[in-house]
Amino acid sequence: MSTIAIRIPPLRERKEDLMDMINFFLEQSCIENRREITYIEPEVNEFLYNYDYPGNVRELKNTIDRLVILSEDGVIKKDDLPILHSIVRVKPSSTSDRFESIVSLKEFRKNTESKYLQWVLNQVNGNVAEAARRLDISSRQLFNKINEYGLKK
C-alpha cells in the first residue's frame, strides 16, 4: 500500500480562506449552541483574522465556539473573553495596565483556565458531559481539571 503526501498550508498562509472559515464556524457554533450573534467588536474580528492558529483549523473552530459561548446579549466582546486575554499579543501601551502583577505563565494559564472552566460549568448548570462536549475534551479530562482546580459542578 502506498501513500501520497499532500501538503495543506497552515491557516496563517491562507488568509484569503480565513474569513470564509470564520463565518462558517461562527454560523455552525451559533446553531449548535442556540445563540444568535448580532455584533462582534472590531478587535475580536482583527484578532480572528491576524492570529496564527498554531492548532490550525481545530483551534479556529474551538476559539469561535468559545467566543459564541461567552457572548452576552448577542455580542462578542474582546474584554470579556479569557481566551483572548491568554493568547492575544499584548500591545504595551494599551493593554499592559490590565495586569496587577507578574506571575509565572503556568500560574496565569491555571488561573485563566480555571475561571473559564467554572464559567462553562455554570453555563451548562453543572452538566459535566455537556461541558466536556462543548469544550471538545473528554469528560475524564474535565473531571481531572475540576478536581485539580477545586471547581464546583
N, C-alpha and C. Protein backbone atom coordinates (compact mmCIF):
# COMPACT_ATOMS: atom_id res chain seq x y z
N MET A 1 0.84 -1.18 0.00
CA MET A 1 0.00 0.00 0.00
C MET A 1 0.88 1.24 0.00
N SER A 2 0.65 2.13 -0.91
CA SER A 2 1.44 3.35 -0.96
C SER A 2 0.57 4.53 -0.52
N THR A 3 1.24 5.54 -0.03
CA THR A 3 0.52 6.73 0.40
C THR A 3 1.02 7.93 -0.37
N ILE A 4 0.19 8.91 -0.41
CA ILE A 4 0.54 10.15 -1.08
C ILE A 4 0.50 11.25 -0.03
N ALA A 5 1.57 12.00 0.05
CA ALA A 5 1.63 13.10 0.99
C ALA A 5 1.10 14.35 0.31
N ILE A 6 0.11 14.95 0.94
CA ILE A 6 -0.46 16.19 0.42
C ILE A 6 -0.17 17.28 1.44
N ARG A 7 0.49 18.32 1.00
CA ARG A 7 0.78 19.43 1.90
C ARG A 7 -0.37 20.43 1.85
N ILE A 8 -0.97 20.61 3.01
CA ILE A 8 -2.02 21.63 3.14
C ILE A 8 -1.42 22.76 3.94
N PRO A 9 -1.35 23.95 3.35
CA PRO A 9 -0.71 25.06 4.06
C PRO A 9 -1.47 25.41 5.34
N PRO A 10 -0.75 25.84 6.37
CA PRO A 10 -1.42 26.25 7.61
C PRO A 10 -2.28 27.49 7.37
N LEU A 11 -3.21 27.73 8.29
CA LEU A 11 -4.12 28.87 8.14
C LEU A 11 -3.38 30.20 8.00
N ARG A 12 -2.27 30.34 8.71
CA ARG A 12 -1.54 31.62 8.64
C ARG A 12 -1.04 31.92 7.23
N GLU A 13 -0.96 30.88 6.38
CA GLU A 13 -0.53 31.08 4.99
C GLU A 13 -1.73 31.14 4.04
N ARG A 14 -2.95 31.05 4.58
CA ARG A 14 -4.14 31.03 3.72
C ARG A 14 -5.14 32.09 4.19
N LYS A 15 -4.66 33.30 4.37
CA LYS A 15 -5.52 34.38 4.87
C LYS A 15 -6.74 34.60 3.98
N GLU A 16 -6.61 34.30 2.68
CA GLU A 16 -7.73 34.51 1.76
C GLU A 16 -8.90 33.56 2.07
N ASP A 17 -8.63 32.44 2.73
CA ASP A 17 -9.68 31.48 3.09
C ASP A 17 -10.23 31.71 4.50
N LEU A 18 -9.50 32.49 5.27
CA LEU A 18 -9.80 32.60 6.69
C LEU A 18 -11.18 33.18 6.98
N MET A 19 -11.57 34.24 6.33
CA MET A 19 -12.87 34.87 6.62
C MET A 19 -14.02 33.91 6.32
N ASP A 20 -13.93 33.15 5.24
CA ASP A 20 -14.97 32.17 4.94
C ASP A 20 -15.04 31.10 6.03
N MET A 21 -13.88 30.65 6.51
CA MET A 21 -13.86 29.65 7.57
C MET A 21 -14.43 30.23 8.88
N ILE A 22 -14.04 31.45 9.19
CA ILE A 22 -14.54 32.10 10.41
C ILE A 22 -16.06 32.19 10.34
N ASN A 23 -16.57 32.66 9.23
CA ASN A 23 -18.03 32.79 9.08
C ASN A 23 -18.73 31.43 9.15
N PHE A 24 -18.15 30.42 8.54
CA PHE A 24 -18.73 29.08 8.57
C PHE A 24 -18.79 28.55 10.00
N PHE A 25 -17.66 28.61 10.72
CA PHE A 25 -17.64 28.09 12.09
C PHE A 25 -18.51 28.93 13.02
N LEU A 26 -18.60 30.22 12.77
CA LEU A 26 -19.47 31.07 13.58
C LEU A 26 -20.93 30.67 13.41
N GLU A 27 -21.33 30.47 12.18
CA GLU A 27 -22.71 30.05 11.89
C GLU A 27 -23.01 28.69 12.52
N GLN A 28 -22.08 27.74 12.37
CA GLN A 28 -22.28 26.41 12.95
C GLN A 28 -22.34 26.45 14.46
N SER A 29 -21.47 27.25 15.07
CA SER A 29 -21.45 27.35 16.53
C SER A 29 -22.72 27.99 17.06
N CYS A 30 -23.22 28.98 16.36
CA CYS A 30 -24.47 29.62 16.78
C CYS A 30 -25.62 28.60 16.76
N ILE A 31 -25.65 27.77 15.74
CA ILE A 31 -26.69 26.74 15.64
C ILE A 31 -26.52 25.71 16.76
N GLU A 32 -25.31 25.20 16.93
CA GLU A 32 -25.05 24.17 17.94
C GLU A 32 -25.32 24.66 19.36
N ASN A 33 -25.00 25.91 19.62
CA ASN A 33 -25.13 26.46 20.98
C ASN A 33 -26.41 27.28 21.18
N ARG A 34 -27.26 27.28 20.16
CA ARG A 34 -28.52 28.00 20.20
C ARG A 34 -28.32 29.46 20.64
N ARG A 35 -27.41 30.12 19.94
CA ARG A 35 -27.10 31.53 20.21
C ARG A 35 -27.22 32.32 18.92
N GLU A 36 -27.55 33.58 19.07
CA GLU A 36 -27.56 34.48 17.92
C GLU A 36 -26.56 35.59 18.19
N ILE A 37 -25.63 35.77 17.30
CA ILE A 37 -24.64 36.83 17.43
C ILE A 37 -25.07 37.99 16.54
N THR A 38 -25.24 39.15 17.16
CA THR A 38 -25.67 40.32 16.40
C THR A 38 -24.53 41.31 16.18
N TYR A 39 -23.48 41.21 17.00
CA TYR A 39 -22.37 42.16 16.87
C TYR A 39 -21.09 41.53 17.39
N ILE A 40 -20.00 41.76 16.68
CA ILE A 40 -18.68 41.34 17.11
C ILE A 40 -17.80 42.58 17.14
N GLU A 41 -17.21 42.85 18.30
CA GLU A 41 -16.36 44.04 18.41
C GLU A 41 -15.22 43.95 17.39
N PRO A 42 -14.83 45.08 16.81
CA PRO A 42 -13.80 45.08 15.78
C PRO A 42 -12.48 44.44 16.21
N GLU A 43 -12.12 44.59 17.49
CA GLU A 43 -10.88 43.98 17.97
C GLU A 43 -10.93 42.46 17.89
N VAL A 44 -12.11 41.90 18.08
CA VAL A 44 -12.26 40.45 18.00
C VAL A 44 -12.07 40.00 16.56
N ASN A 45 -12.70 40.71 15.63
CA ASN A 45 -12.51 40.38 14.21
C ASN A 45 -11.04 40.49 13.81
N GLU A 46 -10.40 41.55 14.29
CA GLU A 46 -8.98 41.74 13.99
C GLU A 46 -8.16 40.58 14.54
N PHE A 47 -8.47 40.17 15.78
CA PHE A 47 -7.76 39.05 16.38
C PHE A 47 -7.97 37.78 15.56
N LEU A 48 -9.23 37.48 15.23
CA LEU A 48 -9.54 36.25 14.49
C LEU A 48 -8.80 36.22 13.15
N TYR A 49 -8.69 37.36 12.52
CA TYR A 49 -8.05 37.39 11.21
C TYR A 49 -6.52 37.34 11.31
N ASN A 50 -5.95 37.92 12.36
CA ASN A 50 -4.49 38.04 12.44
C ASN A 50 -3.80 36.97 13.27
N TYR A 51 -4.54 36.20 14.05
CA TYR A 51 -3.92 35.17 14.88
C TYR A 51 -3.34 34.06 13.99
N ASP A 52 -2.25 33.45 14.42
CA ASP A 52 -1.54 32.45 13.60
C ASP A 52 -2.15 31.05 13.65
N TYR A 53 -2.98 30.74 14.62
CA TYR A 53 -3.63 29.43 14.77
C TYR A 53 -2.64 28.27 14.67
N PRO A 54 -1.76 28.14 15.68
CA PRO A 54 -0.83 27.02 15.64
C PRO A 54 -1.55 25.67 15.66
N GLY A 55 -2.77 25.63 16.20
CA GLY A 55 -3.56 24.40 16.20
C GLY A 55 -4.36 24.22 14.93
N ASN A 56 -4.19 25.15 14.01
CA ASN A 56 -4.81 25.14 12.69
C ASN A 56 -6.34 25.17 12.77
N VAL A 57 -7.03 24.43 11.93
CA VAL A 57 -8.48 24.54 11.80
C VAL A 57 -9.19 24.19 13.11
N ARG A 58 -8.70 23.18 13.81
CA ARG A 58 -9.32 22.79 15.08
C ARG A 58 -9.26 23.95 16.08
N GLU A 59 -8.13 24.64 16.13
CA GLU A 59 -8.00 25.77 17.05
C GLU A 59 -8.95 26.90 16.64
N LEU A 60 -9.07 27.16 15.36
CA LEU A 60 -10.00 28.17 14.88
C LEU A 60 -11.42 27.83 15.32
N LYS A 61 -11.84 26.60 15.09
CA LYS A 61 -13.19 26.17 15.46
C LYS A 61 -13.41 26.30 16.96
N ASN A 62 -12.46 25.80 17.76
CA ASN A 62 -12.60 25.86 19.21
C ASN A 62 -12.63 27.30 19.72
N THR A 63 -11.82 28.17 19.12
CA THR A 63 -11.80 29.57 19.50
C THR A 63 -13.15 30.21 19.24
N ILE A 64 -13.71 29.95 18.08
CA ILE A 64 -15.02 30.52 17.74
C ILE A 64 -16.11 29.94 18.62
N ASP A 65 -16.06 28.65 18.91
CA ASP A 65 -17.04 28.06 19.84
C ASP A 65 -16.99 28.77 21.19
N ARG A 66 -15.79 29.00 21.69
CA ARG A 66 -15.66 29.69 22.98
C ARG A 66 -16.19 31.11 22.91
N LEU A 67 -15.91 31.80 21.82
CA LEU A 67 -16.40 33.17 21.66
C LEU A 67 -17.93 33.20 21.67
N VAL A 68 -18.54 32.26 20.99
CA VAL A 68 -20.01 32.20 20.92
C VAL A 68 -20.57 31.86 22.30
N ILE A 69 -19.98 30.89 22.97
CA ILE A 69 -20.46 30.50 24.29
C ILE A 69 -20.33 31.65 25.29
N LEU A 70 -19.25 32.40 25.19
CA LEU A 70 -19.01 33.50 26.13
C LEU A 70 -19.80 34.77 25.79
N SER A 71 -20.39 34.82 24.63
CA SER A 71 -21.10 36.03 24.22
C SER A 71 -22.27 36.33 25.16
N GLU A 72 -22.55 37.61 25.31
CA GLU A 72 -23.69 38.04 26.12
C GLU A 72 -24.57 38.95 25.28
N ASP A 73 -25.86 38.70 25.31
CA ASP A 73 -26.83 39.50 24.58
C ASP A 73 -26.48 39.61 23.09
N GLY A 74 -25.93 38.53 22.53
CA GLY A 74 -25.62 38.51 21.10
C GLY A 74 -24.39 39.28 20.71
N VAL A 75 -23.58 39.69 21.69
CA VAL A 75 -22.40 40.50 21.40
C VAL A 75 -21.14 39.75 21.86
N ILE A 76 -20.18 39.67 20.98
CA ILE A 76 -18.88 39.10 21.34
C ILE A 76 -17.96 40.28 21.64
N LYS A 77 -17.52 40.34 22.91
CA LYS A 77 -16.69 41.46 23.37
C LYS A 77 -15.27 40.98 23.66
N LYS A 78 -14.32 41.75 23.25
CA LYS A 78 -12.91 41.41 23.46
C LYS A 78 -12.55 41.39 24.94
N ASP A 79 -12.98 42.37 25.69
CA ASP A 79 -12.55 42.50 27.08
C ASP A 79 -13.12 41.43 28.01
N ASP A 80 -14.18 40.78 27.61
CA ASP A 80 -14.80 39.78 28.48
C ASP A 80 -14.36 38.37 28.18
N LEU A 81 -13.39 38.20 27.31
CA LEU A 81 -13.05 36.86 26.87
C LEU A 81 -11.70 36.40 27.38
N PRO A 82 -11.71 35.46 28.34
CA PRO A 82 -10.44 34.96 28.84
C PRO A 82 -9.59 34.32 27.76
N ILE A 83 -10.21 33.71 26.76
CA ILE A 83 -9.44 33.07 25.70
C ILE A 83 -8.58 34.09 24.97
N LEU A 84 -9.11 35.29 24.74
CA LEU A 84 -8.32 36.30 24.06
C LEU A 84 -7.23 36.84 24.96
N HIS A 85 -7.53 36.99 26.26
CA HIS A 85 -6.52 37.52 27.16
C HIS A 85 -5.33 36.58 27.28
N SER A 86 -5.55 35.30 27.12
CA SER A 86 -4.46 34.36 27.30
C SER A 86 -3.64 34.15 26.03
N ILE A 87 -4.16 34.50 24.85
CA ILE A 87 -3.39 34.23 23.64
C ILE A 87 -3.15 35.44 22.75
N VAL A 88 -3.80 36.55 23.03
CA VAL A 88 -3.60 37.71 22.19
C VAL A 88 -2.23 38.33 22.46
N ARG A 89 -1.64 38.89 21.43
CA ARG A 89 -0.38 39.58 21.61
C ARG A 89 -0.65 40.90 22.31
N VAL A 90 0.01 41.13 23.43
CA VAL A 90 -0.24 42.32 24.24
C VAL A 90 0.47 43.51 23.62
N LYS A 91 -0.28 44.60 23.45
CA LYS A 91 0.30 45.85 22.98
C LYS A 91 0.72 46.63 24.22
N PRO A 92 1.99 46.97 24.37
CA PRO A 92 2.48 47.56 25.60
C PRO A 92 1.72 48.80 26.07
N SER A 93 1.36 49.70 25.18
CA SER A 93 0.75 50.95 25.62
C SER A 93 -0.73 50.81 25.97
N SER A 94 -1.43 49.83 25.39
CA SER A 94 -2.88 49.81 25.57
C SER A 94 -3.39 48.76 26.53
N THR A 95 -2.72 47.63 26.68
CA THR A 95 -3.32 46.57 27.49
C THR A 95 -2.46 46.14 28.67
N SER A 96 -1.22 46.55 28.76
CA SER A 96 -0.37 46.06 29.83
C SER A 96 -0.85 46.53 31.20
N ASP A 97 -1.61 47.63 31.28
CA ASP A 97 -2.08 48.12 32.57
C ASP A 97 -3.23 47.28 33.12
N ARG A 98 -3.69 46.28 32.41
CA ARG A 98 -4.76 45.41 32.85
C ARG A 98 -4.30 44.43 33.92
N PHE A 99 -3.02 44.17 33.98
CA PHE A 99 -2.48 43.19 34.91
C PHE A 99 -1.96 43.89 36.15
N GLU A 100 -2.14 43.23 37.29
CA GLU A 100 -1.72 43.83 38.54
C GLU A 100 -0.33 43.42 38.96
N SER A 101 0.08 42.22 38.58
CA SER A 101 1.42 41.76 38.95
C SER A 101 1.88 40.71 37.94
N ILE A 102 3.18 40.49 37.96
CA ILE A 102 3.74 39.47 37.08
C ILE A 102 3.70 38.14 37.81
N VAL A 103 3.13 37.15 37.13
CA VAL A 103 3.09 35.79 37.67
C VAL A 103 3.67 34.87 36.61
N SER A 104 3.99 33.67 37.00
CA SER A 104 4.53 32.72 36.02
C SER A 104 3.46 32.43 34.97
N LEU A 105 3.90 32.07 33.80
CA LEU A 105 2.97 31.74 32.73
C LEU A 105 2.11 30.55 33.14
N LYS A 106 2.70 29.61 33.84
CA LYS A 106 1.96 28.44 34.31
C LYS A 106 0.82 28.86 35.24
N GLU A 107 1.10 29.78 36.16
CA GLU A 107 0.07 30.25 37.08
C GLU A 107 -1.01 31.04 36.33
N PHE A 108 -0.59 31.86 35.37
CA PHE A 108 -1.55 32.63 34.58
C PHE A 108 -2.50 31.70 33.83
N ARG A 109 -1.94 30.68 33.19
CA ARG A 109 -2.76 29.71 32.44
C ARG A 109 -3.72 28.98 33.38
N LYS A 110 -3.21 28.59 34.54
CA LYS A 110 -4.04 27.88 35.51
C LYS A 110 -5.21 28.76 35.95
N ASN A 111 -4.93 30.01 36.29
CA ASN A 111 -5.99 30.93 36.72
C ASN A 111 -7.01 31.18 35.61
N THR A 112 -6.51 31.42 34.42
CA THR A 112 -7.39 31.68 33.29
C THR A 112 -8.23 30.45 32.96
N GLU A 113 -7.59 29.30 32.91
CA GLU A 113 -8.30 28.07 32.58
C GLU A 113 -9.34 27.74 33.65
N SER A 114 -8.99 27.88 34.92
CA SER A 114 -9.94 27.53 35.97
C SER A 114 -11.15 28.45 35.94
N LYS A 115 -10.95 29.74 35.70
CA LYS A 115 -12.08 30.69 35.61
C LYS A 115 -12.97 30.35 34.43
N TYR A 116 -12.35 30.04 33.31
CA TYR A 116 -13.13 29.72 32.12
C TYR A 116 -13.91 28.42 32.31
N LEU A 117 -13.26 27.39 32.86
CA LEU A 117 -13.95 26.12 33.07
C LEU A 117 -15.11 26.28 34.05
N GLN A 118 -14.92 27.08 35.11
CA GLN A 118 -16.01 27.31 36.05
C GLN A 118 -17.16 28.03 35.35
N TRP A 119 -16.83 28.99 34.49
CA TRP A 119 -17.87 29.72 33.76
C TRP A 119 -18.65 28.76 32.87
N VAL A 120 -17.94 27.89 32.16
CA VAL A 120 -18.61 26.93 31.27
C VAL A 120 -19.51 26.01 32.09
N LEU A 121 -19.00 25.50 33.20
CA LEU A 121 -19.82 24.63 34.06
C LEU A 121 -21.08 25.36 34.53
N ASN A 122 -20.95 26.62 34.86
CA ASN A 122 -22.12 27.41 35.27
C ASN A 122 -23.12 27.55 34.12
N GLN A 123 -22.61 27.72 32.92
CA GLN A 123 -23.47 27.89 31.75
C GLN A 123 -24.31 26.66 31.46
N VAL A 124 -23.77 25.48 31.77
CA VAL A 124 -24.47 24.23 31.49
C VAL A 124 -25.06 23.62 32.77
N ASN A 125 -25.22 24.45 33.79
CA ASN A 125 -25.81 24.03 35.07
C ASN A 125 -25.11 22.81 35.66
N GLY A 126 -23.78 22.78 35.58
CA GLY A 126 -23.01 21.71 36.20
C GLY A 126 -23.00 20.39 35.44
N ASN A 127 -23.56 20.35 34.25
CA ASN A 127 -23.61 19.13 33.46
C ASN A 127 -22.21 18.89 32.85
N VAL A 128 -21.45 18.02 33.49
CA VAL A 128 -20.06 17.78 33.08
C VAL A 128 -19.97 17.21 31.68
N ALA A 129 -20.84 16.30 31.34
CA ALA A 129 -20.81 15.70 30.00
C ALA A 129 -21.05 16.76 28.93
N GLU A 130 -22.02 17.64 29.16
CA GLU A 130 -22.31 18.71 28.19
C GLU A 130 -21.15 19.70 28.12
N ALA A 131 -20.60 20.05 29.28
CA ALA A 131 -19.46 20.98 29.30
C ALA A 131 -18.28 20.37 28.53
N ALA A 132 -18.01 19.10 28.76
CA ALA A 132 -16.90 18.44 28.07
C ALA A 132 -17.14 18.43 26.56
N ARG A 133 -18.38 18.16 26.17
CA ARG A 133 -18.71 18.14 24.74
C ARG A 133 -18.44 19.51 24.11
N ARG A 134 -18.90 20.55 24.78
CA ARG A 134 -18.72 21.91 24.24
C ARG A 134 -17.26 22.33 24.25
N LEU A 135 -16.50 21.84 25.21
CA LEU A 135 -15.08 22.18 25.28
C LEU A 135 -14.23 21.31 24.35
N ASP A 136 -14.86 20.30 23.77
CA ASP A 136 -14.18 19.37 22.87
C ASP A 136 -13.06 18.62 23.59
N ILE A 137 -13.39 18.18 24.83
CA ILE A 137 -12.48 17.34 25.60
C ILE A 137 -13.30 16.19 26.18
N SER A 138 -12.63 15.19 26.72
CA SER A 138 -13.36 14.07 27.31
C SER A 138 -13.87 14.46 28.70
N SER A 139 -14.91 13.77 29.14
CA SER A 139 -15.44 14.00 30.48
C SER A 139 -14.37 13.71 31.52
N ARG A 140 -13.57 12.71 31.27
CA ARG A 140 -12.49 12.36 32.21
C ARG A 140 -11.50 13.53 32.35
N GLN A 141 -11.13 14.14 31.21
CA GLN A 141 -10.22 15.29 31.26
C GLN A 141 -10.84 16.42 32.08
N LEU A 142 -12.14 16.65 31.86
CA LEU A 142 -12.80 17.72 32.59
C LEU A 142 -12.89 17.39 34.07
N PHE A 143 -13.21 16.16 34.43
CA PHE A 143 -13.24 15.76 35.85
C PHE A 143 -11.87 15.99 36.49
N ASN A 144 -10.81 15.65 35.78
CA ASN A 144 -9.46 15.88 36.30
C ASN A 144 -9.22 17.36 36.57
N LYS A 145 -9.65 18.22 35.65
CA LYS A 145 -9.49 19.67 35.82
C LYS A 145 -10.35 20.18 36.98
N ILE A 146 -11.57 19.66 37.10
CA ILE A 146 -12.46 20.06 38.20
C ILE A 146 -11.80 19.75 39.54
N ASN A 147 -11.22 18.56 39.64
CA ASN A 147 -10.53 18.17 40.88
C ASN A 147 -9.25 18.98 41.09
N GLU A 148 -8.49 19.18 40.02
CA GLU A 148 -7.23 19.92 40.12
C GLU A 148 -7.46 21.35 40.60
N TYR A 149 -8.50 22.01 40.07
CA TYR A 149 -8.76 23.41 40.39
C TYR A 149 -9.78 23.59 41.51
N GLY A 150 -10.37 22.50 41.99
CA GLY A 150 -11.38 22.60 43.05
C GLY A 150 -12.62 23.32 42.59
N LEU A 151 -13.06 23.05 41.37
CA LEU A 151 -14.23 23.74 40.80
C LEU A 151 -15.52 23.13 41.34
N LYS A 152 -16.60 23.94 41.25
CA LYS A 152 -17.91 23.47 41.68
C LYS A 152 -18.72 23.10 40.46
N LYS A 153 -19.39 21.93 40.56
CA LYS A 153 -20.24 21.47 39.45
C LYS A 153 -21.61 22.06 39.56
